[in-house]
Protein backbone atom coordinates (compact mmCIF):
# COMPACT_ATOMS: atom_id res chain seq x y z
CA MET A 1 10.27 -5.51 -15.06
CA LEU A 2 8.47 -2.50 -14.00
CA SER A 3 4.97 -1.86 -15.33
CA ALA A 4 3.75 2.37 -15.08
CA GLU A 5 0.33 3.93 -15.54
CA VAL A 6 -1.45 6.93 -14.88
CA PHE A 7 -4.76 6.67 -14.15
CA GLU A 8 -7.64 9.40 -13.55
CA ILE A 9 -9.90 8.35 -10.50
CA ALA A 10 -12.26 10.47 -8.49
CA GLY A 11 -10.83 13.94 -9.84
CA ARG A 12 -7.37 12.86 -9.26
CA ARG A 13 -3.99 11.75 -11.58
CA VAL A 14 -2.70 8.90 -10.14
CA TRP A 15 0.50 7.48 -11.23
CA ILE A 16 0.84 3.06 -10.30
CA GLY A 17 3.62 1.19 -10.89
CA VAL A 18 4.36 -2.35 -10.16
CA PHE A 19 7.91 -3.78 -10.19
CA TRP A 20 6.95 -7.69 -11.28
CA GLN A 21 8.59 -10.98 -12.95
CA GLU A 22 5.75 -14.06 -12.16
CA LYS A 23 4.58 -12.59 -9.31
CA ILE A 24 4.11 -8.32 -8.10
CA GLN A 25 7.23 -7.40 -6.26
CA GLY A 26 6.55 -4.12 -5.13
CA ILE A 27 3.60 -1.61 -5.38
CA THR A 28 4.02 1.93 -5.69
CA PHE A 29 1.67 4.81 -6.79
CA SER A 30 1.78 8.66 -6.06
CA LEU A 31 -0.42 11.70 -6.76
CA ASP A 32 2.52 13.53 -7.90
CA ARG A 33 4.63 12.55 -11.15
CA GLU A 34 7.91 13.78 -9.69
CA GLN A 35 6.70 12.32 -6.29
CA PHE A 36 6.21 8.95 -8.34
CA GLU A 37 9.95 8.79 -9.43
CA ARG A 38 10.95 9.08 -6.22
CA ASN A 39 8.83 6.22 -5.20
CA VAL A 40 9.93 4.16 -8.41
CA GLU A 41 13.65 4.56 -6.79
CA ARG A 42 12.71 4.65 -3.40
CA LEU A 43 11.19 0.91 -3.51
CA SER A 44 13.35 -0.16 -5.69
CA GLY A 45 16.27 0.31 -3.34
CA PHE A 46 13.81 -1.23 -0.32
CA LEU A 47 13.36 -4.28 -2.42
CA ARG A 48 17.17 -4.68 -3.06
CA ARG A 49 18.47 -4.43 0.34
CA ARG A 50 15.94 -7.17 1.00
CA GLY A 51 17.10 -9.29 -1.66
CA VAL A 52 14.95 -9.22 -4.23
CA ASP A 53 16.34 -9.87 -7.64
CA LEU A 54 14.79 -6.64 -9.66
CA ASP A 55 14.26 -5.96 -13.43
CA LEU A 56 14.16 -2.10 -14.00
CA ALA A 57 13.51 -2.52 -17.36
CA ARG A 58 10.18 -1.31 -18.01
CA GLU A 59 7.15 -3.49 -19.99
CA GLY A 60 3.75 -2.70 -20.04
CA SER A 61 1.47 -5.53 -18.30
CA ASN A 62 -2.14 -5.60 -16.25
CA TYR A 63 -0.78 -5.12 -12.71
CA PRO A 64 -1.18 -1.45 -12.93
CA ALA A 65 -4.99 -1.70 -13.85
CA LEU A 66 -5.46 -4.23 -11.59
CA VAL A 67 -4.29 -1.66 -8.11
CA ARG A 68 -6.21 0.77 -10.23
CA ASP A 69 -9.64 -1.46 -10.20
CA VAL A 70 -8.40 -2.36 -6.04
CA ILE A 71 -8.19 1.56 -5.82
CA ILE A 72 -11.63 2.17 -7.37
CA GLY A 73 -13.60 -1.33 -5.74
CA LYS A 74 -13.72 -3.22 -8.32
CA VAL A 75 -11.44 -5.83 -7.51
CA ASP A 76 -10.93 -6.63 -3.43
CA ASN A 77 -7.83 -6.37 -1.87
CA ALA A 78 -7.56 -10.36 -0.60
CA ASP A 79 -8.08 -11.31 -4.04
CA VAL A 80 -4.98 -9.82 -5.51
CA LEU A 81 -2.92 -11.64 -2.15
CA ASP A 82 -2.25 -14.39 -4.70
CA GLU A 83 -0.08 -12.31 -7.35
CA LEU A 84 1.93 -11.18 -4.50
CA SER A 85 6.33 -12.87 -4.60
CA PHE A 86 6.20 -11.92 -0.78
CA GLU A 87 9.95 -11.60 -1.60
CA GLY A 88 12.09 -9.89 1.05
CA LEU A 89 9.72 -10.01 3.51
CA THR A 90 10.29 -11.31 7.60
CA PRO A 91 7.81 -14.12 8.75
CA PHE A 92 6.28 -10.98 10.81
CA GLU A 93 5.51 -8.71 8.36
CA GLY A 94 4.33 -11.24 5.76
CA ARG A 95 1.44 -12.74 8.67
CA VAL A 96 0.87 -8.71 9.25
CA TYR A 97 -0.49 -7.99 5.98
CA GLU A 98 -1.63 -11.43 4.94
CA TRP A 99 -4.26 -10.68 8.29
CA LEU A 100 -4.57 -7.37 7.78
CA THR A 101 -5.33 -8.05 4.26
CA LYS A 102 -8.11 -10.52 4.34
CA ASN A 103 -9.72 -8.76 7.68
CA VAL A 104 -9.62 -5.11 7.35
CA LYS A 105 -12.38 -4.83 4.16
CA ARG A 106 -12.75 -1.41 2.24
CA GLY A 107 -14.36 1.34 4.25
CA ASP A 108 -13.08 0.17 7.27
CA ILE A 109 -10.16 0.77 9.65
CA ILE A 110 -8.40 -0.69 12.03
CA THR A 111 -5.94 1.08 15.32
CA TYR A 112 -2.75 0.38 15.30
CA GLY A 113 -3.48 -1.03 18.47
CA ASN A 114 -5.74 -3.03 17.72
CA LEU A 115 -4.32 -4.74 14.75
CA ALA A 116 -1.48 -5.29 17.46
CA LYS A 117 -3.62 -6.69 19.86
CA ALA A 118 -5.07 -9.26 17.20
CA LEU A 119 -1.58 -10.61 16.51
CA GLY A 120 -0.27 -10.33 19.45
CA THR A 121 2.29 -7.56 19.22
CA SER A 122 2.84 -4.15 19.70
CA PRO A 123 1.80 -0.87 18.10
CA ARG A 124 5.22 -0.13 17.38
CA ALA A 125 6.18 -3.61 15.91
CA ILE A 126 3.04 -2.83 14.08
CA GLY A 127 3.70 0.62 12.51
CA GLY A 128 7.32 -0.42 11.44
CA ALA A 129 5.84 -3.19 9.35
CA MET A 130 2.97 -0.88 7.92
CA ARG A 131 5.93 1.81 6.72
CA ARG A 132 8.06 -1.05 5.05
CA ASN A 133 5.26 -2.21 3.71
CA PRO A 134 6.40 -2.77 -0.20
CA TYR A 135 2.40 -3.50 -1.50
CA PRO A 136 0.58 -0.24 -0.88
CA ILE A 137 -3.43 -0.33 -1.93
CA VAL A 138 -3.33 -4.28 -2.19
CA VAL A 139 -2.27 -4.47 1.62
CA PRO A 140 -4.36 -1.64 2.86
CA CYS A 141 -1.68 -0.43 5.48
CA HIS A 142 -4.05 3.61 4.71
CA ARG A 143 -6.32 1.56 6.71
CA VAL A 144 -4.35 1.38 10.09
CA VAL A 145 -5.10 4.57 11.89
CA ALA A 146 -3.93 5.98 15.03
CA LYS A 147 -6.24 5.80 17.96
CA ASP A 148 -6.16 9.88 17.81
CA GLY A 149 -6.31 10.66 14.38
CA ILE A 150 -5.08 9.30 10.76
CA GLY A 151 -1.88 8.30 11.94
CA TYR A 152 0.98 8.87 9.43
CA TYR A 153 1.77 7.08 6.13
CA THR A 154 4.35 6.57 3.72
CA PRO A 155 5.95 8.05 1.66
CA ARG A 156 2.92 10.98 2.10
CA LEU A 157 -0.31 11.69 3.88
CA ASP A 158 -2.08 13.19 0.88
CA GLU A 159 -2.31 9.92 -0.57
CA LYS A 160 -3.64 7.96 2.92
CA VAL A 161 -6.30 10.69 2.91
CA PHE A 162 -6.92 10.14 -0.93
CA LEU A 163 -7.23 6.79 -0.64
CA LEU A 164 -9.25 6.75 2.92
CA LYS A 165 -11.74 9.25 1.04
CA ILE A 166 -12.31 7.07 -1.54
CA GLU A 167 -13.08 4.24 0.22
CA GLY A 168 -15.85 6.43 2.33
CA VAL A 169 -13.73 6.76 5.27
CA GLU A 170 -14.52 10.97 5.37
CA GLY A 171 -14.51 11.18 9.39
CA TRP A 172 -10.64 10.07 9.50
CA THR A 173 -9.37 12.10 6.89
CA SER A 174 -10.37 15.23 8.27
CA SER A 175 -9.07 14.51 12.11
CA LYS A 176 -5.92 16.45 13.56
CA LEU A 177 -2.99 14.60 12.02
CA THR A 178 -3.70 15.27 8.59
CA SER A 179 -2.64 19.02 8.88
C-alpha cells in the first residue's frame, strides 16, 4: 500500500509517502508536489528491482505521521527501526543503515569517511548506500556529509538542507556544496 499525506513543517509543505505492507517498505518525501510524484515512481521502481512485492494501492495509515514526527523530533529515529521491513537490502546496506540510525542522533552529523571508518569500509561504498537508502528521514542519510561541505543528496539537495536546518545543523547548510 501507499500512504501519502502533506504536512506543514517549519513553514513548508512537506509531502510524505510510505510504502507498506506489514512493515514500512520504503519512504519518500519532497518539498514539491510534482517532485513527490516523481519520487514515488523512482522509489517504487527501485523497490521492485530489488524484489520487494509492492501494492501500489493508496490506503491511509499512521506511517506518514510517524515520519513527520521523526522530522520534527517528536520520535527518535532509532525508535522506528523495528517498523522497517529491510526487504530488498543487501546485508551491507542493512548494517550501514542500522549503525547510522542508532549512532548519529538528531542535530549531529558524520562524514562519509568517518562512517566508513566506523564500519570498516570505504567512503565510496557509504555514498552508494546513502544514495540507495529506501528509508530517508528514518535512516538519516541527510546527516552524512562530505569532509569539505554538505555533500549531495538524492534526489534534491534543498531537501537535505531543509532537514539539517530543522535539526539545528546550520553550519553545514551554508557550505560551498549547497549551491
